[in-house]
Amino acid sequence: NSPQHFKGIVVEAKAGLITVEKIVLSVNFVIKWAIVPRTALE
């Protein structure tokens, strides 16, 4: 486990977090536009 190896893990973890964040934002956006207009119309 060299420092270089650890750096690689950190970079991958950060990239993974960014991807998860994008997915969560996309899901929230879809839910918002799929559900909110319906409840507003009722």
N, C-alpha and C. Protein backbone atom coordinates (compact mmCIF):
# COMPACT_ATOMS: atom_id res chain seq x y z
N ASN A 1 0.85 -1.21 0.00
CA ASN A 1 0.00 0.00 0.00
C ASN A 1 0.87 1.25 0.00
N SER A 2 1.30 1.64 -1.17
CA SER A 2 2.11 2.84 -1.29
C SER A 2 1.21 4.07 -1.27
N PRO A 3 1.76 5.25 -0.96
CA PRO A 3 0.97 6.49 -0.99
C PRO A 3 0.31 6.70 -2.34
N GLN A 4 0.99 6.29 -3.41
CA GLN A 4 0.46 6.45 -4.76
C GLN A 4 -0.82 5.62 -4.91
N HIS A 5 -0.80 4.42 -4.37
CA HIS A 5 -1.96 3.52 -4.43
C HIS A 5 -3.12 4.16 -3.66
N PHE A 6 -2.82 4.72 -2.50
CA PHE A 6 -3.84 5.36 -1.67
C PHE A 6 -4.45 6.56 -2.40
N LYS A 7 -3.58 7.34 -3.06
CA LYS A 7 -4.07 8.49 -3.84
C LYS A 7 -5.06 8.04 -4.91
N GLY A 8 -4.74 6.93 -5.57
CA GLY A 8 -5.62 6.40 -6.60
C GLY A 8 -6.98 6.04 -6.04
N ILE A 9 -6.99 5.45 -4.83
CA ILE A 9 -8.26 5.08 -4.19
C ILE A 9 -9.07 6.34 -3.87
N VAL A 10 -8.39 7.35 -3.36
CA VAL A 10 -9.07 8.61 -3.01
C VAL A 10 -9.69 9.24 -4.25
N VAL A 11 -8.93 9.28 -5.34
CA VAL A 11 -9.43 9.86 -6.59
C VAL A 11 -10.64 9.08 -7.09
N GLU A 12 -10.55 7.76 -7.04
CA GLU A 12 -11.67 6.92 -7.49
C GLU A 12 -12.89 7.13 -6.60
N ALA A 13 -12.66 7.23 -5.30
CA ALA A 13 -13.77 7.44 -4.37
C ALA A 13 -14.46 8.78 -4.64
N LYS A 14 -13.67 9.81 -4.87
CA LYS A 14 -14.23 11.13 -5.19
C LYS A 14 -15.04 11.08 -6.48
N ALA A 15 -14.49 10.42 -7.49
CA ALA A 15 -15.19 10.28 -8.77
C ALA A 15 -16.49 9.52 -8.57
N GLY A 16 -16.46 8.49 -7.74
CA GLY A 16 -17.65 7.71 -7.45
C GLY A 16 -18.71 8.55 -6.75
N LEU A 17 -18.26 9.39 -5.80
CA LEU A 17 -19.18 10.25 -5.07
C LEU A 17 -19.85 11.24 -6.01
N ILE A 18 -19.06 11.80 -6.94
CA ILE A 18 -19.61 12.75 -7.91
C ILE A 18 -20.68 12.05 -8.75
N THR A 19 -20.41 10.81 -9.16
CA THR A 19 -21.37 10.06 -9.96
C THR A 19 -22.65 9.82 -9.17
N VAL A 20 -22.50 9.40 -7.91
CA VAL A 20 -23.66 9.15 -7.05
C VAL A 20 -24.47 10.43 -6.88
N GLU A 21 -23.76 11.54 -6.66
CA GLU A 21 -24.42 12.84 -6.48
C GLU A 21 -25.23 13.20 -7.73
N LYS A 22 -24.65 12.98 -8.91
CA LYS A 22 -25.35 13.27 -10.17
C LYS A 22 -26.60 12.41 -10.30
N ILE A 23 -26.47 11.12 -9.95
CA ILE A 23 -27.62 10.21 -10.03
C ILE A 23 -28.71 10.68 -9.08
N VAL A 24 -28.32 11.02 -7.84
CA VAL A 24 -29.30 11.48 -6.84
C VAL A 24 -30.00 12.75 -7.33
N LEU A 25 -29.23 13.68 -7.87
CA LEU A 25 -29.82 14.93 -8.38
C LEU A 25 -30.79 14.63 -9.53
N SER A 26 -30.40 13.72 -10.41
CA SER A 26 -31.26 13.36 -11.55
C SER A 26 -32.55 12.73 -11.06
N VAL A 27 -32.43 11.82 -10.10
CA VAL A 27 -33.61 11.14 -9.55
C VAL A 27 -34.52 12.16 -8.87
N ASN A 28 -33.94 13.04 -8.06
CA ASN A 28 -34.73 14.08 -7.39
C ASN A 28 -35.46 14.94 -8.40
N PHE A 29 -34.76 15.30 -9.49
CA PHE A 29 -35.33 16.13 -10.54
C PHE A 29 -36.52 15.43 -11.19
N VAL A 30 -36.33 14.14 -11.51
CA VAL A 30 -37.40 13.36 -12.15
C VAL A 30 -38.60 13.24 -11.20
N ILE A 31 -38.33 12.91 -9.94
CA ILE A 31 -39.42 12.78 -8.94
C ILE A 31 -40.17 14.10 -8.83
N LYS A 32 -39.43 15.18 -8.77
CA LYS A 32 -40.03 16.51 -8.63
C LYS A 32 -40.99 16.79 -9.77
N TRP A 33 -40.55 16.54 -10.99
CA TRP A 33 -41.37 16.86 -12.16
C TRP A 33 -42.41 15.78 -12.47
N ALA A 34 -42.26 14.59 -11.89
CA ALA A 34 -43.24 13.52 -12.12
C ALA A 34 -44.37 13.60 -11.09
N ILE A 35 -44.04 14.00 -9.85
CA ILE A 35 -45.01 13.95 -8.75
C ILE A 35 -45.59 15.33 -8.43
N VAL A 36 -44.76 16.34 -8.37
CA VAL A 36 -45.22 17.67 -7.95
C VAL A 36 -46.35 18.20 -8.84
N PRO A 37 -46.24 18.17 -10.17
CA PRO A 37 -47.33 18.69 -11.00
C PRO A 37 -48.65 17.96 -10.75
N ARG A 38 -48.60 16.65 -10.52
CA ARG A 38 -49.82 15.88 -10.26
C ARG A 38 -50.49 16.34 -8.98
N THR A 39 -49.71 16.48 -7.92
CA THR A 39 -50.29 16.88 -6.64
C THR A 39 -50.78 18.32 -6.72
N ALA A 40 -50.13 19.12 -7.53
CA ALA A 40 -50.54 20.52 -7.69
C ALA A 40 -51.87 20.60 -8.47
N LEU A 41 -52.07 19.68 -9.40
CA LEU A 41 -53.28 19.70 -10.23
C LEU A 41 -54.51 19.19 -9.46
N GLU A 42 -54.26 18.27 -8.51
CA GLU A 42 -55.38 17.67 -7.78
C GLU A 42 -56.06 18.65 -6.83
